[in-house]
Structure formats: structure tokens, C-alpha cells
Amino acid sequence: MCLIDLHSFSDQIIPKDYTHEGVKTPDLCIGTDSVFTPDILLNMVKDEFEGKGLSVKVNYPYTGCMVPNGVMKERYTCDFIGIMMEFNKRFYMEGDRVCPEKMKMIRDGIREIRRQIRVQNV
């Protein structure tokens, strides 16, 4: 099972202690877990969106991904992987409106990642 945790963020509401002086926030922040995010999944997401021209950072400004409590506490046995994708609103918004072309780019990228997960049996 693969959990893709999707969010968006705005530069205006990031707590100061989440950012580093002089380091610009990316178009996409990929959050990972040291146990439940395999490198192959991280690379799929990174390659897909960098290939579309987005700036990408791993675990910046946010870290981690959702892992169900039952999996984390080993109450359930299943093959579980997870990743978080936080898209910066400045990437897909134009003023107070969503840019349809950029939302389509995000949707197409997520669909491609899901396809790759199935094909590669990640």
C-alpha cells in the first residue's frame, strides 16, 4: 500500500523556525520518512516534478509523511510506503485564482507516479 499525502502551503504562513535564512521555499516540498519512504519512490516524485520544471526540495520547509498508527506500532502487517507532497500555492495560483494548466500538470504528475508505482511494483 502506498499513501501519497497531498497538501499545499503558502509562503505567507510558514512559521519562521521552519525556514532557513536566504533559502527560498520550493515549488514542491517532498516529505519523507526514514523507514517508510524508499529511495525509489522519492526519486520517482523528484524526477517527475523536476522534469516538469518545478523547484523541489526534500523535507524543506516541512518534513515527514503520514504513516498510519497501526503500521507504525506494528499492529498491522502490510507492505506500506508513504510520501508527502506539499505544493507551494505560488506555483499553481495566479492571484486569487487557480491556474488550470498548472493544476493539470500536478494531476498528470501524480497520475504518472501512481502508474510507475504499479508498473515497478514499488
PDB file of N, CA and C in Angstrom:
ATOM      1  N   MET A   1       0.841  -1.161   0.000  1.00  0.00           N
ATOM      2  CA  MET A   1       0.000   0.000   0.000  1.00  0.00           C
ATOM      3  C   MET A   1       0.898   1.240   0.000  1.00  0.00           C
ATOM      4  N   CYS A   2       0.513   2.217  -0.820  1.00  0.00           N
ATOM      5  CA  CYS A   2       1.258   3.474  -0.886  1.00  0.00           C
ATOM      6  C   CYS A   2       0.319   4.626  -0.529  1.00  0.00           C
ATOM      7  N   LEU A   3       0.710   5.416   0.444  1.00  0.00           N
ATOM      8  CA  LEU A   3      -0.047   6.598   0.828  1.00  0.00           C
ATOM      9  C   LEU A   3       0.673   7.828   0.300  1.00  0.00           C
ATOM     10  N   ILE A   4      -0.010   8.559  -0.580  1.00  0.00           N
ATOM     11  CA  ILE A   4       0.519   9.828  -1.071  1.00  0.00           C
ATOM     12  C   ILE A   4      -0.250  10.921  -0.352  1.00  0.00           C
ATOM     13  N   ASP A   5       0.426  11.625   0.515  1.00  0.00           N
ATOM     14  CA  ASP A   5      -0.143  12.652   1.371  1.00  0.00           C
ATOM     15  C   ASP A   5       0.026  13.996   0.662  1.00  0.00           C
ATOM     16  N   LEU A   6      -1.082  14.600   0.204  1.00  0.00           N
ATOM     17  CA  LEU A   6      -1.025  15.834  -0.585  1.00  0.00           C
ATOM     18  C   LEU A   6      -1.468  17.039   0.220  1.00  0.00           C
ATOM     19  N   HIS A   7      -0.693  18.113   0.093  1.00  0.00           N
ATOM     20  CA  HIS A   7      -1.006  19.373   0.766  1.00  0.00           C
ATOM     21  C   HIS A   7      -0.561  20.530  -0.118  1.00  0.00           C
ATOM     22  N   SER A   8      -0.937  21.717   0.305  1.00  0.00           N
ATOM     23  CA  SER A   8      -0.366  22.916  -0.302  1.00  0.00           C
ATOM     24  C   SER A   8       0.039  23.844   0.827  1.00  0.00           C
ATOM     25  N   PHE A   9       0.923  24.773   0.515  1.00  0.00           N
ATOM     26  CA  PHE A   9       1.353  25.734   1.529  1.00  0.00           C
ATOM     27  C   PHE A   9       1.542  27.093   0.896  1.00  0.00           C
ATOM     28  N   SER A  10       1.521  28.089   1.749  1.00  0.00           N
ATOM     29  CA  SER A  10       1.727  29.464   1.320  1.00  0.00           C
ATOM     30  C   SER A  10       2.951  30.020   2.038  1.00  0.00           C
ATOM     31  N   ASP A  11       3.785  30.728   1.315  1.00  0.00           N
ATOM     32  CA  ASP A  11       4.965  31.335   1.937  1.00  0.00           C
ATOM     33  C   ASP A  11       4.588  32.287   3.074  1.00  0.00           C
ATOM     34  N   GLN A  12       3.398  32.870   3.000  1.00  0.00           N
ATOM     35  CA  GLN A  12       2.987  33.857   3.998  1.00  0.00           C
ATOM     36  C   GLN A  12       2.687  33.250   5.366  1.00  0.00           C
ATOM     37  N   ILE A  13       2.425  31.954   5.436  1.00  0.00           N
ATOM     38  CA  ILE A  13       2.031  31.383   6.732  1.00  0.00           C
ATOM     39  C   ILE A  13       3.028  30.354   7.290  1.00  0.00           C
ATOM     40  N   ILE A  14       4.185  30.223   6.673  1.00  0.00           N
ATOM     41  CA  ILE A  14       5.189  29.287   7.197  1.00  0.00           C
ATOM     42  C   ILE A  14       5.815  29.891   8.451  1.00  0.00           C
ATOM     43  N   PRO A  15       5.797  29.157   9.567  1.00  0.00           N
ATOM     44  CA  PRO A  15       6.474  29.665  10.762  1.00  0.00           C
ATOM     45  C   PRO A  15       7.964  29.902  10.482  1.00  0.00           C
ATOM     46  N   LYS A  16       8.498  30.977  11.029  1.00  0.00           N
ATOM     47  CA  LYS A  16       9.896  31.340  10.763  1.00  0.00           C
ATOM     48  C   LYS A  16      10.877  30.229  11.112  1.00  0.00           C
ATOM     49  N   ASP A  17      10.581  29.454  12.154  1.00  0.00           N
ATOM     50  CA  ASP A  17      11.520  28.390  12.536  1.00  0.00           C
ATOM     51  C   ASP A  17      11.477  27.190  11.579  1.00  0.00           C
ATOM     52  N   TYR A  18      10.615  27.214  10.578  1.00  0.00           N
ATOM     53  CA  TYR A  18      10.572  26.168   9.563  1.00  0.00           C
ATOM     54  C   TYR A  18      11.455  26.493   8.362  1.00  0.00           C
ATOM     55  N   THR A  19      11.905  27.733   8.261  1.00  0.00           N
ATOM     56  CA  THR A  19      12.689  28.152   7.098  1.00  0.00           C
ATOM     57  C   THR A  19      14.115  28.489   7.505  1.00  0.00           C
ATOM     58  N   HIS A  20      14.978  28.567   6.506  1.00  0.00           N
ATOM     59  CA  HIS A  20      16.373  28.936   6.727  1.00  0.00           C
ATOM     60  C   HIS A  20      16.630  30.258   6.028  1.00  0.00           C
ATOM     61  N   GLU A  21      17.326  31.132   6.699  1.00  0.00           N
ATOM     62  CA  GLU A  21      17.638  32.458   6.148  1.00  0.00           C
ATOM     63  C   GLU A  21      18.280  32.340   4.770  1.00  0.00           C
ATOM     64  N   GLY A  22      17.686  32.994   3.803  1.00  0.00           N
ATOM     65  CA  GLY A  22      18.243  33.027   2.453  1.00  0.00           C
ATOM     66  C   GLY A  22      17.913  31.822   1.588  1.00  0.00           C
ATOM     67  N   VAL A  23      17.205  30.825   2.141  1.00  0.00           N
ATOM     68  CA  VAL A  23      16.853  29.642   1.354  1.00  0.00           C
ATOM     69  C   VAL A  23      15.397  29.780   0.911  1.00  0.00           C
ATOM     70  N   LYS A  24      15.200  29.910  -0.384  1.00  0.00           N
ATOM     71  CA  LYS A  24      13.863  30.087  -0.948  1.00  0.00           C
ATOM     72  C   LYS A  24      13.052  28.801  -0.787  1.00  0.00           C
ATOM     73  N   THR A  25      11.781  28.960  -0.526  1.00  0.00           N
ATOM     74  CA  THR A  25      10.923  27.777  -0.464  1.00  0.00           C
ATOM     75  C   THR A  25      10.697  27.260  -1.883  1.00  0.00           C
ATOM     76  N   PRO A  26      10.581  25.948  -2.035  1.00  0.00           N
ATOM     77  CA  PRO A  26      10.451  25.354  -3.368  1.00  0.00           C
ATOM     78  C   PRO A  26       9.006  25.388  -3.866  1.00  0.00           C
ATOM     79  N   ASP A  27       8.853  25.039  -5.151  1.00  0.00           N
ATOM     80  CA  ASP A  27       7.514  24.828  -5.697  1.00  0.00           C
ATOM     81  C   ASP A  27       6.892  23.573  -5.092  1.00  0.00           C
ATOM     82  N   LEU A  28       7.733  22.589  -4.799  1.00  0.00           N
ATOM     83  CA  LEU A  28       7.276  21.333  -4.210  1.00  0.00           C
ATOM     84  C   LEU A  28       8.210  20.916  -3.085  1.00  0.00           C
ATOM     85  N   CYS A  29       7.634  20.702  -1.929  1.00  0.00           N
ATOM     86  CA  CYS A  29       8.360  20.121  -0.798  1.00  0.00           C
ATOM     87  C   CYS A  29       7.948  18.660  -0.725  1.00  0.00           C
ATOM     88  N   ILE A  30       8.925  17.770  -0.758  1.00  0.00           N
ATOM     89  CA  ILE A  30       8.663  16.334  -0.612  1.00  0.00           C
ATOM     90  C   ILE A  30       9.028  15.947   0.820  1.00  0.00           C
ATOM     91  N   GLY A  31       8.047  15.445   1.551  1.00  0.00           N
ATOM     92  CA  GLY A  31       8.289  14.982   2.915  1.00  0.00           C
ATOM     93  C   GLY A  31       8.480  13.477   2.919  1.00  0.00           C
ATOM     94  N   THR A  32       9.487  13.035   3.649  1.00  0.00           N
ATOM     95  CA  THR A  32       9.807  11.606   3.686  1.00  0.00           C
ATOM     96  C   THR A  32       9.893  11.083   5.112  1.00  0.00           C
ATOM     97  N   ASP A  33       9.839   9.777   5.222  1.00  0.00           N
ATOM     98  CA  ASP A  33      10.045   9.076   6.484  1.00  0.00           C
ATOM     99  C   ASP A  33      11.224   8.132   6.284  1.00  0.00           C
ATOM    100  N   SER A  34      12.134   8.098   7.239  1.00  0.00           N
ATOM    101  CA  SER A  34      13.355   7.297   7.071  1.00  0.00           C
ATOM    102  C   SER A  34      13.072   5.807   6.935  1.00  0.00           C
ATOM    103  N   VAL A  35      11.955   5.339   7.436  1.00  0.00           N
ATOM    104  CA  VAL A  35      11.616   3.922   7.349  1.00  0.00           C
ATOM    105  C   VAL A  35      10.664   3.632   6.187  1.00  0.00           C
ATOM    106  N   PHE A  36       9.674   4.499   5.991  1.00  0.00           N
ATOM    107  CA  PHE A  36       8.565   4.178   5.093  1.00  0.00           C
ATOM    108  C   PHE A  36       8.614   4.860   3.726  1.00  0.00           C
ATOM    109  N   THR A  37       9.654   5.634   3.452  1.00  0.00           N
ATOM    110  CA  THR A  37       9.789   6.235   2.122  1.00  0.00           C
ATOM    111  C   THR A  37      11.039   5.674   1.454  1.00  0.00           C
ATOM    112  N   PRO A  38      10.864   4.703   0.561  1.00  0.00           N
ATOM    113  CA  PRO A  38      12.041   4.151  -0.115  1.00  0.00           C
ATOM    114  C   PRO A  38      12.611   5.149  -1.124  1.00  0.00           C
ATOM    115  N   ASP A  39      13.899   5.052  -1.363  1.00  0.00           N
ATOM    116  CA  ASP A  39      14.564   5.948  -2.316  1.00  0.00           C
ATOM    117  C   ASP A  39      13.918   5.911  -3.693  1.00  0.00           C
ATOM    118  N   ILE A  40      13.465   4.728  -4.119  1.00  0.00           N
ATOM    119  CA  ILE A  40      12.865   4.627  -5.455  1.00  0.00           C
ATOM    120  C   ILE A  40      11.617   5.511  -5.559  1.00  0.00           C
ATOM    121  N   LEU A  41      10.811   5.572  -4.503  1.00  0.00           N
ATOM    122  CA  LEU A  41       9.615   6.419  -4.506  1.00  0.00           C
ATOM    123  C   LEU A  41      10.005   7.893  -4.469  1.00  0.00           C
ATOM    124  N   LEU A  42      10.939   8.240  -3.615  1.00  0.00           N
ATOM    125  CA  LEU A  42      11.424   9.624  -3.549  1.00  0.00           C
ATOM    126  C   LEU A  42      11.940  10.073  -4.913  1.00  0.00           C
ATOM    127  N   ASN A  43      12.742   9.238  -5.547  1.00  0.00           N
ATOM    128  CA  ASN A  43      13.309   9.605  -6.852  1.00  0.00           C
ATOM    129  C   ASN A  43      12.243   9.722  -7.937  1.00  0.00           C
ATOM    130  N   MET A  44      11.219   8.868  -7.878  1.00  0.00           N
ATOM    131  CA  MET A  44      10.112   8.974  -8.838  1.00  0.00           C
ATOM    132  C   MET A  44       9.462  10.354  -8.756  1.00  0.00           C
ATOM    133  N   VAL A  45       9.138  10.753  -7.542  1.00  0.00           N
ATOM    134  CA  VAL A  45       8.448  12.035  -7.336  1.00  0.00           C
ATOM    135  C   VAL A  45       9.362  13.191  -7.723  1.00  0.00           C
ATOM    136  N   LYS A  46      10.584  13.141  -7.250  1.00  0.00           N
ATOM    137  CA  LYS A  46      11.543  14.213  -7.541  1.00  0.00           C
ATOM    138  C   LYS A  46      11.763  14.349  -9.043  1.00  0.00           C
ATOM    139  N   ASP A  47      12.038  13.250  -9.704  1.00  0.00           N
ATOM    140  CA  ASP A  47      12.302  13.276 -11.152  1.00  0.00           C
ATOM    141  C   ASP A  47      11.089  13.756 -11.943  1.00  0.00           C
ATOM    142  N   GLU A  48       9.903  13.295 -11.556  1.00  0.00           N
ATOM    143  CA  GLU A  48       8.680  13.666 -12.276  1.00  0.00           C
ATOM    144  C   GLU A  48       8.463  15.175 -12.251  1.00  0.00           C
ATOM    145  N   PHE A  49       8.590  15.774 -11.082  1.00  0.00           N
ATOM    146  CA  PHE A  49       8.266  17.196 -10.985  1.00  0.00           C
ATOM    147  C   PHE A  49       9.428  18.109 -11.358  1.00  0.00           C
ATOM    148  N   GLU A  50      10.650  17.678 -11.120  1.00  0.00           N
ATOM    149  CA  GLU A  50      11.779  18.462 -11.640  1.00  0.00           C
ATOM    150  C   GLU A  50      11.751  18.446 -13.163  1.00  0.00           C
ATOM    151  N   GLY A  51      11.351  17.319 -13.734  1.00  0.00           N
ATOM    152  CA  GLY A  51      11.234  17.207 -15.180  1.00  0.00           C
ATOM    153  C   GLY A  51      10.166  18.125 -15.761  1.00  0.00           C
ATOM    154  N   LYS A  52       9.229  18.545 -14.930  1.00  0.00           N
ATOM    155  CA  LYS A  52       8.189  19.485 -15.348  1.00  0.00           C
ATOM    156  C   LYS A  52       8.593  20.934 -15.060  1.00  0.00           C
ATOM    157  N   GLY A  53       9.814  21.123 -14.544  1.00  0.00           N
ATOM    158  CA  GLY A  53      10.318  22.465 -14.303  1.00  0.00           C
ATOM    159  C   GLY A  53      10.077  23.026 -12.919  1.00  0.00           C
ATOM    160  N   LEU A  54       9.567  22.226 -11.992  1.00  0.00           N
ATOM    161  CA  LEU A  54       9.331  22.725 -10.637  1.00  0.00           C
ATOM    162  C   LEU A  54      10.625  22.668  -9.836  1.00  0.00           C
ATOM    163  N   SER A  55      10.792  23.632  -8.931  1.00  0.00           N
ATOM    164  CA  SER A  55      11.887  23.534  -7.966  1.00  0.00           C
ATOM    165  C   SER A  55      11.413  22.588  -6.858  1.00  0.00           C
ATOM    166  N   VAL A  56      12.294  21.685  -6.448  1.00  0.00           N
ATOM    167  CA  VAL A  56      11.929  20.637  -5.498  1.00  0.00           C
ATOM    168  C   VAL A  56      12.962  20.573  -4.384  1.00  0.00           C
ATOM    169  N   LYS A  57      12.493  20.468  -3.160  1.00  0.00           N
ATOM    170  CA  LYS A  57      13.374  20.225  -2.014  1.00  0.00           C
ATOM    171  C   LYS A  57      12.777  19.081  -1.205  1.00  0.00           C
ATOM    172  N   VAL A  58      13.644  18.311  -0.584  1.00  0.00           N
ATOM    173  CA  VAL A  58      13.215  17.199   0.259  1.00  0.00           C
ATOM    174  C   VAL A  58      13.265  17.643   1.716  1.00  0.00           C
ATOM    175  N   ASN A  59      12.143  17.465   2.401  1.00  0.00           N
ATOM    176  CA  ASN A  59      11.996  17.809   3.824  1.00  0.00           C
ATOM    177  C   ASN A  59      12.303  19.270   4.118  1.00  0.00           C
ATOM    178  N   TYR A  60      11.950  20.153   3.187  1.00  0.00           N
ATOM    179  CA  TYR A  60      12.084  21.592   3.418  1.00  0.00           C
ATOM    180  C   TYR A  60      10.993  22.335   2.669  1.00  0.00           C
ATOM    181  N   PRO A  61      10.212  23.154   3.303  1.00  0.00           N
ATOM    182  CA  PRO A  61      10.274  23.559   4.711  1.00  0.00           C
ATOM    183  C   PRO A  61       9.545  22.613   5.663  1.00  0.00           C
ATOM    184  N   TYR A  62       8.871  21.612   5.151  1.00  0.00           N
ATOM    185  CA  TYR A  62       8.165  20.648   6.003  1.00  0.00           C
ATOM    186  C   TYR A  62       8.837  19.288   5.898  1.00  0.00           C
ATOM    187  N   THR A  63       8.643  18.474   6.927  1.00  0.00           N
ATOM    188  CA  THR A  63       9.281  17.154   6.956  1.00  0.00           C
ATOM    189  C   THR A  63       8.253  16.062   7.214  1.00  0.00           C
ATOM    190  N   GLY A  64       8.633  14.862   6.875  1.00  0.00           N
ATOM    191  CA  GLY A  64       7.845  13.692   7.223  1.00  0.00           C
ATOM    192  C   GLY A  64       6.695  13.416   6.277  1.00  0.00           C
ATOM    193  N   CYS A  65       6.012  12.319   6.564  1.00  0.00           N
ATOM    194  CA  CYS A  65       4.811  11.941   5.827  1.00  0.00           C
ATOM    195  C   CYS A  65       3.912  11.157   6.778  1.00  0.00           C
ATOM    196  N   MET A  66       2.676  11.031   6.385  1.00  0.00           N
ATOM    197  CA  MET A  66       1.714  10.311   7.235  1.00  0.00           C
ATOM    198  C   MET A  66       1.975   8.807   7.177  1.00  0.00           C
ATOM    199  N   VAL A  67       1.965   8.201   8.357  1.00  0.00           N
ATOM    200  CA  VAL A  67       2.072   6.752   8.486  1.00  0.00           C
ATOM    201  C   VAL A  67       0.984   6.336   9.473  1.00  0.00           C
ATOM    202  N   PRO A  68       0.095   5.437   9.070  1.00  0.00           N
ATOM    203  CA  PRO A  68      -0.959   5.015   9.996  1.00  0.00           C
ATOM    204  C   PRO A  68      -0.388   4.479  11.301  1.00  0.00           C
ATOM    205  N   ASN A  69      -1.046   4.807  12.411  1.00  0.00           N
ATOM    206  CA  ASN A  69      -0.571   4.363  13.726  1.00  0.00           C
ATOM    207  C   ASN A  69      -0.402   2.852  13.801  1.00  0.00           C
ATOM    208  N   GLY A  70      -1.355   2.117  13.225  1.00  0.00           N
ATOM    209  CA  GLY A  70      -1.272   0.655  13.280  1.00  0.00           C
ATOM    210  C   GLY A  70      -0.043   0.110  12.588  1.00  0.00           C
ATOM    211  N   VAL A  71       0.368   0.751  11.509  1.00  0.00           N
ATOM    212  CA  VAL A  71       1.578   0.340  10.790  1.00  0.00           C
ATOM    213  C   VAL A  71       2.806   0.730  11.604  1.00  0.00           C
ATOM    214  N   MET A  72       2.783   1.956  12.112  1.00  0.00           N
ATOM    215  CA  MET A  72       3.936   2.458  12.867  1.00  0.00           C
ATOM    216  C   MET A  72       4.188   1.619  14.122  1.00  0.00           C
ATOM    217  N   LYS A  73       3.118   1.211  14.775  1.00  0.00           N
ATOM    218  CA  LYS A  73       3.245   0.444  16.018  1.00  0.00           C
ATOM    219  C   LYS A  73       3.258  -1.060  15.757  1.00  0.00           C
ATOM    220  N   GLU A  74       3.348  -1.439  14.477  1.00  0.00           N
ATOM    221  CA  GLU A  74       3.452  -2.832  14.046  1.00  0.00           C
ATOM    222  C   GLU A  74       2.262  -3.681  14.476  1.00  0.00           C
ATOM    223  N   ARG A  75       1.075  -3.051  14.620  1.00  0.00           N
ATOM    224  CA  ARG A  75      -0.137  -3.832  14.905  1.00  0.00           C
ATOM    225  C   ARG A  75      -0.669  -4.464  13.635  1.00  0.00           C
ATOM    226  N   TYR A  76      -0.381  -3.829  12.486  1.00  0.00           N
ATOM    227  CA  TYR A  76      -0.813  -4.360  11.204  1.00  0.00           C
ATOM    228  C   TYR A  76       0.425  -4.731  10.405  1.00  0.00           C
ATOM    229  N   THR A  77       0.333  -5.835   9.729  1.00  0.00           N
ATOM    230  CA  THR A  77       1.450  -6.227   8.869  1.00  0.00           C
ATOM    231  C   THR A  77       1.012  -6.048   7.417  1.00  0.00           C
ATOM    232  N   CYS A  78       1.681  -5.154   6.748  1.00  0.00           N
ATOM    233  CA  CYS A  78       1.425  -4.931   5.327  1.00  0.00           C
ATOM    234  C   CYS A  78       2.659  -4.245   4.750  1.00  0.00           C
ATOM    235  N   ASP A  79       2.767  -4.342   3.453  1.00  0.00           N
ATOM    236  CA  ASP A  79       3.832  -3.600   2.782  1.00  0.00           C
ATOM    237  C   ASP A  79       3.340  -2.177   2.636  1.00  0.00           C
ATOM    238  N   PHE A  80       3.926  -1.270   3.380  1.00  0.00           N
ATOM    239  CA  PHE A  80       3.471   0.123   3.392  1.00  0.00           C
ATOM    240  C   PHE A  80       4.618   1.044   3.013  1.00  0.00           C
ATOM    241  N   ILE A  81       4.319   1.989   2.122  1.00  0.00           N
ATOM    242  CA  ILE A  81       5.250   3.076   1.824  1.00  0.00           C
ATOM    243  C   ILE A  81       4.446   4.375   1.796  1.00  0.00           C
ATOM    244  N   GLY A  82       5.115   5.469   2.065  1.00  0.00           N
ATOM    245  CA  GLY A  82       4.417   6.746   2.061  1.00  0.00           C
ATOM    246  C   GLY A  82       5.335   7.897   1.701  1.00  0.00           C
ATOM    247  N   ILE A  83       4.705   8.957   1.224  1.00  0.00           N
ATOM    248  CA  ILE A  83       5.429  10.166   0.854  1.00  0.00           C
ATOM    249  C   ILE A  83       4.462  11.342   0.955  1.00  0.00           C
ATOM    250  N   MET A  84       4.993  12.516   1.249  1.00  0.00           N
ATOM    251  CA  MET A  84       4.174  13.723   1.294  1.00  0.00           C
ATOM    252  C   MET A  84       4.603  14.642   0.156  1.00  0.00           C
ATOM    253  N   MET A  85       3.622  15.267  -0.472  1.00  0.00           N
ATOM    254  CA  MET A  85       3.893  16.289  -1.476  1.00  0.00           C
ATOM    255  C   MET A  85       3.159  17.553  -1.059  1.00  0.00           C
ATOM    256  N   GLU A  86       3.916  18.607  -0.802  1.00  0.00           N
ATOM    257  CA  GLU A  86       3.363  19.920  -0.439  1.00  0.00           C
ATOM    258  C   GLU A  86       3.666  20.872  -1.584  1.00  0.00           C
ATOM    259  N   PHE A  87       2.634  21.281  -2.304  1.00  0.00           N
ATOM    260  CA  PHE A  87       2.808  22.201  -3.430  1.00  0.00           C
ATOM    261  C   PHE A  87       2.649  23.636  -2.958  1.00  0.00           C
ATOM    262  N   ASN A  88       3.603  24.472  -3.338  1.00  0.00           N
ATOM    263  CA  ASN A  88       3.565  25.882  -2.984  1.00  0.00           C
ATOM    264  C   ASN A  88       2.462  26.566  -3.791  1.00  0.00           C
ATOM    265  N   LYS A  89       1.601  27.289  -3.091  1.00  0.00           N
ATOM    266  CA  LYS A  89       0.488  27.955  -3.763  1.00  0.00           C
ATOM    267  C   LYS A  89       0.964  28.944  -4.822  1.00  0.00           C
ATOM    268  N   ARG A  90       2.125  29.527  -4.621  1.00  0.00           N
ATOM    269  CA  ARG A  90       2.597  30.492  -5.623  1.00  0.00           C
ATOM    270  C   ARG A  90       2.852  29.825  -6.975  1.00  0.00           C
ATOM    271  N   PHE A  91       3.038  28.493  -6.955  1.00  0.00           N
ATOM    272  CA  PHE A  91       3.251  27.776  -8.209  1.00  0.00           C
ATOM    273  C   PHE A  91       1.949  27.658  -9.002  1.00  0.00           C
ATOM    274  N   TYR A  92       0.862  27.279  -8.355  1.00  0.00           N
ATOM    275  CA  TYR A  92      -0.359  26.971  -9.103  1.00  0.00           C
ATOM    276  C   TYR A  92      -1.461  28.028  -9.004  1.00  0.00           C
ATOM    277  N   MET A  93      -1.196  29.110  -8.287  1.00  0.00           N
ATOM    278  CA  MET A  93      -2.179  30.195  -8.178  1.00  0.00           C
ATOM    279  C   MET A  93      -1.729  31.392  -9.008  1.00  0.00           C
ATOM    280  N   GLU A  94      -2.680  32.087  -9.580  1.00  0.00           N
ATOM    281  CA  GLU A  94      -2.445  33.358 -10.253  1.00  0.00           C
ATOM    282  C   GLU A  94      -3.337  34.367  -9.558  1.00  0.00           C
ATOM    283  N   GLY A  95      -2.747  35.100  -8.614  1.00  0.00           N
ATOM    284  CA  GLY A  95      -3.556  35.979  -7.774  1.00  0.00           C
ATOM    285  C   GLY A  95      -4.434  35.130  -6.871  1.00  0.00           C
ATOM    286  N   ASP A  96      -5.741  35.336  -6.958  1.00  0.00           N
ATOM    287  CA  ASP A  96      -6.654  34.558  -6.127  1.00  0.00           C
ATOM    288  C   ASP A  96      -7.345  33.443  -6.916  1.00  0.00           C
ATOM    289  N   ARG A  97      -6.809  33.110  -8.078  1.00  0.00           N
ATOM    290  CA  ARG A  97      -7.395  32.068  -8.926  1.00  0.00           C
ATOM    291  C   ARG A  97      -6.405  30.940  -9.188  1.00  0.00           C
ATOM    292  N   VAL A  98      -6.957  29.758  -9.286  1.00  0.00           N
ATOM    293  CA  VAL A  98      -6.146  28.588  -9.630  1.00  0.00           C
ATOM    294  C   VAL A  98      -5.849  28.617 -11.122  1.00  0.00           C
ATOM    295  N   CYS A  99      -4.608  28.329 -11.481  1.00  0.00           N
ATOM    296  CA  CYS A  99      -4.213  28.242 -12.884  1.00  0.00           C
ATOM    297  C   CYS A  99      -4.508  26.816 -13.377  1.00  0.00           C
ATOM    298  N   PRO A 100      -5.485  26.653 -14.270  1.00  0.00           N
ATOM    299  CA  PRO A 100      -5.874  25.307 -14.720  1.00  0.00           C
ATOM    300  C   PRO A 100      -4.728  24.505 -15.336  1.00  0.00           C
ATOM    301  N   GLU A 101      -3.858  25.159 -16.087  1.00  0.00           N
ATOM    302  CA  GLU A 101      -2.750  24.437 -16.724  1.00  0.00           C
ATOM    303  C   GLU A 101      -1.790  23.869 -15.693  1.00  0.00           C
ATOM    304  N   LYS A 102      -1.527  24.627 -14.639  1.00  0.00           N
ATOM    305  CA  LYS A 102      -0.590  24.143 -13.611  1.00  0.00           C
ATOM    306  C   LYS A 102      -1.234  23.055 -12.751  1.00  0.00           C
ATOM    307  N   MET A 103      -2.537  23.168 -12.504  1.00  0.00           N
ATOM    308  CA  MET A 103      -3.224  22.097 -11.768  1.00  0.00           C
ATOM    309  C   MET A 103      -3.224  20.813 -12.594  1.00  0.00           C
ATOM    310  N   LYS A 104      -3.390  20.947 -13.882  1.00  0.00           N
ATOM    311  CA  LYS A 104      -3.337  19.778 -14.768  1.00  0.00           C
ATOM    312  C   LYS A 104      -1.945  19.149 -14.729  1.00  0.00           C
ATOM    313  N   MET A 105      -0.918  19.989 -14.696  1.00  0.00           N
ATOM    314  CA  MET A 105       0.450  19.491 -14.615  1.00  0.00           C
ATOM    315  C   MET A 105       0.643  18.677 -13.325  1.00  0.00           C
ATOM    316  N   ILE A 106       0.118  19.186 -12.216  1.00  0.00           N
ATOM    317  CA  ILE A 106       0.214  18.475 -10.938  1.00  0.00           C
ATOM    318  C   ILE A 106      -0.546  17.153 -11.017  1.00  0.00           C
ATOM    319  N   ARG A 107      -1.792  17.196 -11.494  1.00  0.00           N
ATOM    320  CA  ARG A 107      -2.596  15.972 -11.610  1.00  0.00           C
ATOM    321  C   ARG A 107      -1.920  14.934 -12.507  1.00  0.00           C
ATOM    322  N   ASP A 108      -1.428  15.382 -13.653  1.00  0.00           N
ATOM    323  CA  ASP A 108      -0.758  14.456 -14.575  1.00  0.00           C
ATOM    324  C   ASP A 108       0.483  13.852 -13.932  1.00  0.00           C
ATOM    325  N   GLY A 109       1.224  14.651 -13.182  1.00  0.00           N
ATOM    326  CA  GLY A 109       2.421  14.144 -12.500  1.00  0.00           C
ATOM    327  C   GLY A 109       2.081  13.091 -11.467  1.00  0.00           C
ATOM    328  N   ILE A 110       1.029  13.340 -10.699  1.00  0.00           N
ATOM    329  CA  ILE A 110       0.612  12.368  -9.682  1.00  0.00           C
ATOM    330  C   ILE A 110       0.118  11.082 -10.349  1.00  0.00           C
ATOM    331  N   ARG A 111      -0.626  11.218 -11.418  1.00  0.00           N
ATOM    332  CA  ARG A 111      -1.080  10.020 -12.155  1.00  0.00           C
ATOM    333  C   ARG A 111       0.103   9.203 -12.673  1.00  0.00           C
ATOM    334  N   GLU A 112       1.110   9.892 -13.176  1.00  0.00           N
ATOM    335  CA  GLU A 112       2.288   9.191 -13.687  1.00  0.00           C
ATOM    336  C   GLU A 112       3.031   8.479 -12.560  1.00  0.00           C
ATOM    337  N   ILE A 113       3.135   9.111 -11.411  1.00  0.00           N
ATOM    338  CA  ILE A 113       3.796   8.471 -10.266  1.00  0.00           C
ATOM    339  C   ILE A 113       3.012   7.225  -9.846  1.00  0.00           C
ATOM    340  N   ARG A 114       1.700   7.326  -9.789  1.00  0.00           N
ATOM    341  CA  ARG A 114       0.869   6.166  -9.444  1.00  0.00           C
ATOM    342  C   ARG A 114       1.070   5.041 -10.461  1.00  0.00           C
ATOM    343  N   ARG A 115       1.156   5.394 -11.734  1.00  0.00           N
ATOM    344  CA  ARG A 115       1.389   4.395 -12.783  1.00  0.00           C
ATOM    345  C   ARG A 115       2.734   3.709 -12.576  1.00  0.00           C
ATOM    346  N   GLN A 116       3.758   4.509 -12.295  1.00  0.00           N
ATOM    347  CA  GLN A 116       5.097   3.939 -12.087  1.00  0.00           C
ATOM    348  C   GLN A 116       5.142   3.024 -10.874  1.00  0.00           C
ATOM    349  N   ILE A 117       4.427   3.388  -9.826  1.00  0.00           N
ATOM    350  CA  ILE A 117       4.374   2.544  -8.621  1.00  0.00           C
ATOM    351  C   ILE A 117       3.809   1.170  -8.980  1.00  0.00           C
ATOM    352  N   ARG A 118       2.738   1.162  -9.775  1.00  0.00           N
ATOM    353  CA  ARG A 118       2.120  -0.119 -10.188  1.00  0.00           C
ATOM    354  C   ARG A 118       3.052  -0.907 -11.097  1.00  0.00           C
ATOM    355  N   VAL A 119       3.611  -0.234 -12.099  1.00  0.00           N
ATOM    356  CA  VAL A 119       4.470  -0.918 -13.078  1.00  0.00           C
ATOM    357  C   VAL A 119       5.718  -1.481 -12.422  1.00  0.00           C
ATOM    358  N   GLN A 120       6.343  -0.694 -11.547  1.00  0.00           N
ATOM    359  CA  GLN A 120       7.585  -1.127 -10.922  1.00  0.00           C
ATOM    360  C   GLN A 120       7.339  -1.956  -9.667  1.00  0.00           C
ATOM    361  N   ASN A 121       6.055  -2.089  -9.301  1.00  0.00           N
ATOM    362  CA  ASN A 121       5.673  -2.878  -8.115  1.00  0.00           C
ATOM    363  C   ASN A 121       6.419  -2.403  -6.871  1.00  0.00           C
ATOM    364  N   VAL A 122       6.389  -1.094  -6.677  1.00  0.00           N
ATOM    365  CA  VAL A 122       7.062  -0.497  -5.514  1.00  0.00           C
ATOM    366  C   VAL A 122       6.234  -0.756  -4.269  1.00  0.00           C
TER     367      VAL A 122
END
